[in-house]
Amino acid sequence: MLKLASKYILSIFHLILISREGALHA
């Protein structure tokens, strides 16, 4: 269960990072 939670958090963190990069390059 902990593994699933960390995977979920990682994917959200990754999405935030991508959107931040996109905002910076926009």
PDB file of N, CA and C in Angstrom:
ATOM      1  N   MET A   1       0.836  -1.205   0.000  1.00  0.00           N
ATOM      2  CA  MET A   1       0.000   0.000   0.000  1.00  0.00           C
ATOM      3  C   MET A   1       0.872   1.258   0.000  1.00  0.00           C
ATOM      4  N   LEU A   2       1.928   1.211   0.790  1.00  0.00           N
ATOM      5  CA  LEU A   2       2.828   2.366   0.850  1.00  0.00           C
ATOM      6  C   LEU A   2       3.485   2.597  -0.504  1.00  0.00           C
ATOM      7  N   LYS A   3       3.806   1.499  -1.187  1.00  0.00           N
ATOM      8  CA  LYS A   3       4.440   1.595  -2.502  1.00  0.00           C
ATOM      9  C   LYS A   3       3.500   2.292  -3.485  1.00  0.00           C
ATOM     10  N   LEU A   4       2.220   1.935  -3.414  1.00  0.00           N
ATOM     11  CA  LEU A   4       1.220   2.516  -4.310  1.00  0.00           C
ATOM     12  C   LEU A   4       1.085   4.010  -4.035  1.00  0.00           C
ATOM     13  N   ALA A   5       1.083   4.375  -2.759  1.00  0.00           N
ATOM     14  CA  ALA A   5       0.946   5.782  -2.380  1.00  0.00           C
ATOM     15  C   ALA A   5       2.137   6.593  -2.878  1.00  0.00           C
ATOM     16  N   SER A   6       3.337   6.058  -2.720  1.00  0.00           N
ATOM     17  CA  SER A   6       4.533   6.781  -3.170  1.00  0.00           C
ATOM     18  C   SER A   6       4.543   6.912  -4.687  1.00  0.00           C
ATOM     19  N   LYS A   7       4.028   5.893  -5.379  1.00  0.00           N
ATOM     20  CA  LYS A   7       3.968   5.935  -6.837  1.00  0.00           C
ATOM     21  C   LYS A   7       2.995   7.031  -7.273  1.00  0.00           C
ATOM     22  N   TYR A   8       1.878   7.130  -6.554  1.00  0.00           N
ATOM     23  CA  TYR A   8       0.855   8.130  -6.845  1.00  0.00           C
ATOM     24  C   TYR A   8       1.413   9.533  -6.626  1.00  0.00           C
ATOM     25  N   ILE A   9       2.114   9.712  -5.501  1.00  0.00           N
ATOM     26  CA  ILE A   9       2.719  11.008  -5.179  1.00  0.00           C
ATOM     27  C   ILE A   9       3.773  11.374  -6.218  1.00  0.00           C
ATOM     28  N   LEU A  10       4.566  10.398  -6.634  1.00  0.00           N
ATOM     29  CA  LEU A  10       5.610  10.642  -7.630  1.00  0.00           C
ATOM     30  C   LEU A  10       5.028  11.094  -8.954  1.00  0.00           C
ATOM     31  N   SER A  11       3.942  10.454  -9.377  1.00  0.00           N
ATOM     32  CA  SER A  11       3.336  10.833 -10.656  1.00  0.00           C
ATOM     33  C   SER A  11       2.746  12.234 -10.586  1.00  0.00           C
ATOM     34  N   ILE A  12       2.161  12.598  -9.447  1.00  0.00           N
ATOM     35  CA  ILE A  12       1.605  13.949  -9.283  1.00  0.00           C
ATOM     36  C   ILE A  12       2.748  14.964  -9.297  1.00  0.00           C
ATOM     37  N   PHE A  13       3.818  14.650  -8.574  1.00  0.00           N
ATOM     38  CA  PHE A  13       4.987  15.527  -8.525  1.00  0.00           C
ATOM     39  C   PHE A  13       5.558  15.731  -9.923  1.00  0.00           C
ATOM     40  N   HIS A  14       5.589  14.660 -10.697  1.00  0.00           N
ATOM     41  CA  HIS A  14       6.098  14.713 -12.067  1.00  0.00           C
ATOM     42  C   HIS A  14       5.219  15.618 -12.921  1.00  0.00           C
ATOM     43  N   LEU A  15       3.899  15.499 -12.756  1.00  0.00           N
ATOM     44  CA  LEU A  15       2.958  16.329 -13.516  1.00  0.00           C
ATOM     45  C   LEU A  15       3.147  17.801 -13.172  1.00  0.00           C
ATOM     46  N   ILE A  16       3.332  18.095 -11.886  1.00  0.00           N
ATOM     47  CA  ILE A  16       3.540  19.479 -11.449  1.00  0.00           C
ATOM     48  C   ILE A  16       4.826  20.018 -12.068  1.00  0.00           C
ATOM     49  N   LEU A  17       5.866  19.200 -12.069  1.00  0.00           N
ATOM     50  CA  LEU A  17       7.148  19.599 -12.636  1.00  0.00           C
ATOM     51  C   LEU A  17       6.998  19.917 -14.117  1.00  0.00           C
ATOM     52  N   ILE A  18       6.289  19.059 -14.842  1.00  0.00           N
ATOM     53  CA  ILE A  18       6.075  19.264 -16.283  1.00  0.00           C
ATOM     54  C   ILE A  18       5.296  20.552 -16.532  1.00  0.00           C
ATOM     55  N   SER A  19       4.231  20.775 -15.761  1.00  0.00           N
ATOM     56  CA  SER A  19       3.422  21.981 -15.965  1.00  0.00           C
ATOM     57  C   SER A  19       4.226  23.232 -15.617  1.00  0.00           C
ATOM     58  N   ARG A  20       5.093  23.136 -14.611  1.00  0.00           N
ATOM     59  CA  ARG A  20       5.942  24.278 -14.251  1.00  0.00           C
ATOM     60  C   ARG A  20       6.911  24.589 -15.386  1.00  0.00           C
ATOM     61  N   GLU A  21       7.508  23.545 -15.947  1.00  0.00           N
ATOM     62  CA  GLU A  21       8.438  23.732 -17.068  1.00  0.00           C
ATOM     63  C   GLU A  21       7.707  24.356 -18.242  1.00  0.00           C
ATOM     64  N   GLY A  22       6.490  23.868 -18.513  1.00  0.00           N
ATOM     65  CA  GLY A  22       5.694  24.389 -19.613  1.00  0.00           C
ATOM     66  C   GLY A  22       5.381  25.866 -19.393  1.00  0.00           C
ATOM     67  N   ALA A  23       5.078  26.226 -18.149  1.00  0.00           N
ATOM     68  CA  ALA A  23       4.759  27.620 -17.837  1.00  0.00           C
ATOM     69  C   ALA A  23       6.002  28.494 -18.015  1.00  0.00           C
ATOM     70  N   LEU A  24       7.155  27.957 -17.648  1.00  0.00           N
ATOM     71  CA  LEU A  24       8.397  28.718 -17.781  1.00  0.00           C
ATOM     72  C   LEU A  24       8.748  28.956 -19.244  1.00  0.00           C
ATOM     73  N   HIS A  25       8.527  27.945 -20.078  1.00  0.00           N
ATOM     74  CA  HIS A  25       8.885  28.059 -21.493  1.00  0.00           C
ATOM     75  C   HIS A  25       7.826  28.776 -22.321  1.00  0.00           C
ATOM     76  N   ALA A  26       6.624  28.949 -21.741  1.00  0.00           N
ATOM     77  CA  ALA A  26       5.530  29.584 -22.492  1.00  0.00           C
ATOM     78  C   ALA A  26       5.849  31.057 -22.768  1.00  0.00           C
TER      79      ALA A  26
END
